[in-house]
N, C-alpha and C. Protein backbone atom coordinates (compact mmCIF):
# COMPACT_ATOMS: atom_id res chain seq x y z
N MET A 1 -41.12 -22.79 -13.80
CA MET A 1 -41.57 -24.04 -14.39
C MET A 1 -42.90 -23.78 -15.08
N ARG A 2 -43.06 -24.33 -16.27
CA ARG A 2 -44.32 -24.20 -16.99
C ARG A 2 -45.38 -25.13 -16.36
N ALA A 3 -46.63 -24.75 -16.52
CA ALA A 3 -47.72 -25.51 -15.92
C ALA A 3 -47.70 -26.97 -16.34
N ASP A 4 -47.41 -27.26 -17.62
CA ASP A 4 -47.42 -28.64 -18.08
C ASP A 4 -46.26 -29.47 -17.51
N GLU A 5 -45.23 -28.81 -17.01
CA GLU A 5 -44.10 -29.55 -16.44
C GLU A 5 -44.46 -30.21 -15.11
N TYR A 6 -45.44 -29.68 -14.41
CA TYR A 6 -45.86 -30.29 -13.14
C TYR A 6 -46.47 -31.67 -13.36
N LEU A 7 -46.95 -31.94 -14.56
CA LEU A 7 -47.59 -33.21 -14.86
C LEU A 7 -46.64 -34.40 -14.76
N GLN A 8 -45.35 -34.14 -14.83
CA GLN A 8 -44.39 -35.23 -14.76
C GLN A 8 -44.21 -35.77 -13.33
N PHE A 9 -44.70 -35.05 -12.34
CA PHE A 9 -44.49 -35.43 -10.95
C PHE A 9 -45.72 -36.10 -10.36
N ASP A 10 -45.49 -37.09 -9.50
CA ASP A 10 -46.60 -37.67 -8.75
C ASP A 10 -46.83 -36.80 -7.50
N ALA A 11 -47.91 -37.10 -6.77
CA ALA A 11 -48.29 -36.29 -5.61
C ALA A 11 -47.21 -36.27 -4.54
N ARG A 12 -46.56 -37.39 -4.31
CA ARG A 12 -45.51 -37.47 -3.30
C ARG A 12 -44.33 -36.56 -3.67
N THR A 13 -43.95 -36.56 -4.92
CA THR A 13 -42.84 -35.72 -5.38
C THR A 13 -43.22 -34.24 -5.29
N LEU A 14 -44.45 -33.92 -5.70
CA LEU A 14 -44.90 -32.53 -5.57
C LEU A 14 -44.86 -32.07 -4.12
N ALA A 15 -45.33 -32.91 -3.22
CA ALA A 15 -45.31 -32.56 -1.79
C ALA A 15 -43.88 -32.32 -1.30
N ARG A 16 -42.95 -33.16 -1.73
CA ARG A 16 -41.55 -33.00 -1.33
C ARG A 16 -40.97 -31.71 -1.89
N LEU A 17 -41.26 -31.41 -3.15
CA LEU A 17 -40.74 -30.19 -3.78
C LEU A 17 -41.33 -28.94 -3.14
N ILE A 18 -42.58 -29.02 -2.72
CA ILE A 18 -43.18 -27.89 -2.00
C ILE A 18 -42.54 -27.75 -0.63
N ALA A 19 -42.37 -28.87 0.08
CA ALA A 19 -41.78 -28.82 1.42
C ALA A 19 -40.36 -28.28 1.42
N THR A 20 -39.62 -28.57 0.37
CA THR A 20 -38.23 -28.09 0.28
C THR A 20 -38.16 -26.74 -0.42
N ARG A 21 -39.31 -26.17 -0.71
CA ARG A 21 -39.43 -24.85 -1.33
C ARG A 21 -38.80 -24.76 -2.72
N ASP A 22 -38.73 -25.89 -3.40
CA ASP A 22 -38.24 -25.90 -4.77
C ASP A 22 -39.31 -25.42 -5.75
N ILE A 23 -40.56 -25.60 -5.37
CA ILE A 23 -41.68 -25.08 -6.15
C ILE A 23 -42.69 -24.46 -5.18
N SER A 24 -43.54 -23.64 -5.72
CA SER A 24 -44.53 -22.92 -4.91
C SER A 24 -45.86 -23.67 -4.92
N PRO A 25 -46.50 -23.77 -3.76
CA PRO A 25 -47.83 -24.39 -3.73
C PRO A 25 -48.83 -23.60 -4.59
N VAL A 26 -48.64 -22.30 -4.69
CA VAL A 26 -49.53 -21.48 -5.52
C VAL A 26 -49.37 -21.86 -6.99
N GLU A 27 -48.13 -22.02 -7.44
CA GLU A 27 -47.89 -22.42 -8.82
C GLU A 27 -48.48 -23.79 -9.11
N VAL A 28 -48.35 -24.71 -8.18
CA VAL A 28 -48.87 -26.07 -8.38
C VAL A 28 -50.39 -26.04 -8.46
N ILE A 29 -51.03 -25.30 -7.58
CA ILE A 29 -52.49 -25.22 -7.61
C ILE A 29 -52.96 -24.61 -8.92
N GLU A 30 -52.29 -23.55 -9.36
CA GLU A 30 -52.68 -22.93 -10.63
C GLU A 30 -52.51 -23.91 -11.79
N ALA A 31 -51.43 -24.69 -11.77
CA ALA A 31 -51.21 -25.70 -12.82
C ALA A 31 -52.30 -26.76 -12.77
N CYS A 32 -52.65 -27.21 -11.58
CA CYS A 32 -53.70 -28.22 -11.43
C CYS A 32 -55.05 -27.69 -11.90
N LEU A 33 -55.37 -26.46 -11.53
CA LEU A 33 -56.64 -25.89 -11.94
C LEU A 33 -56.69 -25.68 -13.45
N SER A 34 -55.58 -25.27 -14.03
CA SER A 34 -55.52 -25.10 -15.49
C SER A 34 -55.74 -26.44 -16.19
N ARG A 35 -55.08 -27.46 -15.68
CA ARG A 35 -55.22 -28.79 -16.29
C ARG A 35 -56.65 -29.30 -16.11
N LEU A 36 -57.22 -29.05 -14.96
CA LEU A 36 -58.59 -29.48 -14.70
C LEU A 36 -59.57 -28.79 -15.65
N ASP A 37 -59.30 -27.53 -15.99
CA ASP A 37 -60.15 -26.84 -16.96
C ASP A 37 -60.13 -27.54 -18.31
N VAL A 38 -58.97 -28.11 -18.66
CA VAL A 38 -58.83 -28.76 -19.96
C VAL A 38 -59.46 -30.15 -19.97
N VAL A 39 -59.14 -30.96 -18.97
CA VAL A 39 -59.57 -32.36 -19.00
C VAL A 39 -60.79 -32.65 -18.12
N GLY A 40 -61.11 -31.74 -17.23
CA GLY A 40 -62.21 -31.96 -16.30
C GLY A 40 -63.54 -32.31 -16.93
N PRO A 41 -63.97 -31.53 -17.92
CA PRO A 41 -65.28 -31.82 -18.51
C PRO A 41 -65.37 -33.22 -19.13
N SER A 42 -64.32 -33.68 -19.77
CA SER A 42 -64.38 -35.01 -20.40
C SER A 42 -64.25 -36.13 -19.37
N LEU A 43 -63.51 -35.87 -18.28
CA LEU A 43 -63.35 -36.89 -17.24
C LEU A 43 -64.55 -36.94 -16.30
N ASN A 44 -65.18 -35.79 -16.10
CA ASN A 44 -66.31 -35.69 -15.18
C ASN A 44 -65.95 -36.27 -13.81
N ALA A 45 -64.75 -35.93 -13.34
CA ALA A 45 -64.24 -36.50 -12.09
C ALA A 45 -64.76 -35.78 -10.85
N PHE A 46 -65.14 -34.53 -10.98
CA PHE A 46 -65.59 -33.75 -9.83
C PHE A 46 -66.94 -33.11 -10.14
N ASP A 47 -67.82 -33.12 -9.15
CA ASP A 47 -69.09 -32.43 -9.37
C ASP A 47 -68.97 -30.96 -8.98
N SER A 48 -67.94 -30.61 -8.21
CA SER A 48 -67.66 -29.20 -7.90
C SER A 48 -66.18 -29.05 -7.57
N VAL A 49 -65.67 -27.88 -7.86
CA VAL A 49 -64.27 -27.56 -7.58
C VAL A 49 -64.26 -26.20 -6.91
N ASP A 50 -63.67 -26.14 -5.74
CA ASP A 50 -63.56 -24.87 -5.02
C ASP A 50 -62.22 -24.24 -5.36
N ALA A 51 -62.13 -23.67 -6.56
CA ALA A 51 -60.87 -23.09 -7.04
C ALA A 51 -60.41 -21.94 -6.13
N ASP A 52 -61.34 -21.09 -5.72
CA ASP A 52 -60.96 -19.98 -4.85
C ASP A 52 -60.45 -20.48 -3.51
N GLY A 53 -61.10 -21.50 -2.96
CA GLY A 53 -60.64 -22.08 -1.70
C GLY A 53 -59.28 -22.73 -1.85
N ALA A 54 -59.05 -23.40 -2.97
CA ALA A 54 -57.75 -24.02 -3.23
C ALA A 54 -56.67 -22.96 -3.33
N ARG A 55 -56.98 -21.86 -4.00
CA ARG A 55 -56.01 -20.77 -4.12
C ARG A 55 -55.71 -20.15 -2.76
N ARG A 56 -56.74 -19.93 -1.95
CA ARG A 56 -56.52 -19.36 -0.61
C ARG A 56 -55.65 -20.30 0.23
N ALA A 57 -55.93 -21.60 0.16
CA ALA A 57 -55.15 -22.57 0.93
C ALA A 57 -53.70 -22.60 0.46
N ALA A 58 -53.49 -22.49 -0.84
CA ALA A 58 -52.12 -22.49 -1.38
C ALA A 58 -51.37 -21.24 -0.95
N VAL A 59 -52.03 -20.10 -0.97
CA VAL A 59 -51.40 -18.85 -0.53
C VAL A 59 -51.03 -18.96 0.95
N GLU A 60 -51.93 -19.51 1.75
CA GLU A 60 -51.64 -19.67 3.18
C GLU A 60 -50.50 -20.65 3.40
N ALA A 61 -50.49 -21.75 2.66
CA ALA A 61 -49.40 -22.72 2.79
C ALA A 61 -48.07 -22.07 2.43
N GLU A 62 -48.07 -21.30 1.35
CA GLU A 62 -46.83 -20.62 0.95
C GLU A 62 -46.39 -19.61 2.00
N ARG A 63 -47.34 -18.88 2.56
CA ARG A 63 -47.02 -17.92 3.62
C ARG A 63 -46.36 -18.61 4.80
N GLN A 64 -46.93 -19.74 5.20
CA GLN A 64 -46.37 -20.49 6.33
C GLN A 64 -44.99 -21.03 6.01
N LEU A 65 -44.82 -21.57 4.81
CA LEU A 65 -43.50 -22.08 4.43
C LEU A 65 -42.45 -20.98 4.41
N LEU A 66 -42.81 -19.83 3.87
CA LEU A 66 -41.86 -18.71 3.81
C LEU A 66 -41.54 -18.14 5.18
N SER A 67 -42.44 -18.35 6.14
CA SER A 67 -42.17 -17.88 7.50
C SER A 67 -41.39 -18.91 8.32
N GLY A 68 -41.00 -20.01 7.67
CA GLY A 68 -40.16 -20.99 8.33
C GLY A 68 -40.86 -22.23 8.83
N ALA A 69 -42.15 -22.33 8.63
CA ALA A 69 -42.89 -23.52 9.07
C ALA A 69 -42.47 -24.73 8.25
N GLN A 70 -42.49 -25.87 8.88
CA GLN A 70 -42.25 -27.12 8.16
C GLN A 70 -43.56 -27.54 7.51
N CYS A 71 -43.44 -28.34 6.48
CA CYS A 71 -44.63 -28.83 5.80
C CYS A 71 -45.45 -29.64 6.80
N GLY A 72 -46.72 -29.33 6.88
CA GLY A 72 -47.61 -29.99 7.84
C GLY A 72 -48.06 -31.36 7.39
N PRO A 73 -49.32 -31.69 7.62
CA PRO A 73 -49.84 -33.00 7.20
C PRO A 73 -49.60 -33.22 5.72
N ALA A 74 -49.55 -34.47 5.32
CA ALA A 74 -49.26 -34.81 3.92
C ALA A 74 -50.17 -34.05 2.96
N ALA A 75 -51.44 -33.95 3.28
CA ALA A 75 -52.38 -33.27 2.39
C ALA A 75 -52.09 -31.77 2.30
N TRP A 76 -51.46 -31.21 3.31
CA TRP A 76 -51.15 -29.79 3.33
C TRP A 76 -50.17 -29.43 2.23
N CYS A 77 -49.30 -30.35 1.88
CA CYS A 77 -48.30 -30.11 0.85
C CYS A 77 -48.65 -30.77 -0.48
N SER A 78 -49.84 -31.23 -0.61
CA SER A 78 -50.25 -31.86 -1.86
C SER A 78 -51.51 -31.17 -2.38
N PRO A 79 -51.56 -30.90 -3.68
CA PRO A 79 -52.72 -30.23 -4.24
C PRO A 79 -53.89 -31.13 -4.52
N PHE A 80 -53.89 -32.33 -4.03
CA PHE A 80 -54.90 -33.30 -4.40
C PHE A 80 -55.79 -33.64 -3.21
N ARG A 81 -57.04 -33.87 -3.48
CA ARG A 81 -57.98 -34.34 -2.49
C ARG A 81 -58.71 -35.53 -3.06
N SER A 82 -59.03 -36.46 -2.18
CA SER A 82 -59.76 -37.63 -2.65
C SER A 82 -61.26 -37.33 -2.74
N ARG A 83 -61.89 -38.11 -3.52
CA ARG A 83 -63.33 -38.00 -3.71
C ARG A 83 -64.04 -38.72 -2.59
N THR A 84 -65.11 -38.15 -2.07
CA THR A 84 -65.86 -38.83 -1.01
C THR A 84 -67.24 -39.18 -1.48
């Protein structure tokens, strides 16, 4: 799937597709980070982005899914975090 194709899905659908292993959490994170590079500066939605941490978390989530783990908490299968 191309990075821009992930934009058609809402967070709930992305989480379901990750949980059913139809898409990779690593691919989704990379698509989100790519999109954030494009629109982030004009939106000014985040004061910091831990891209490396997001990538590490996605790799770990994928490792767990491939080892047979079920999708954990809702946030575990979603590439989004709320602003605090």
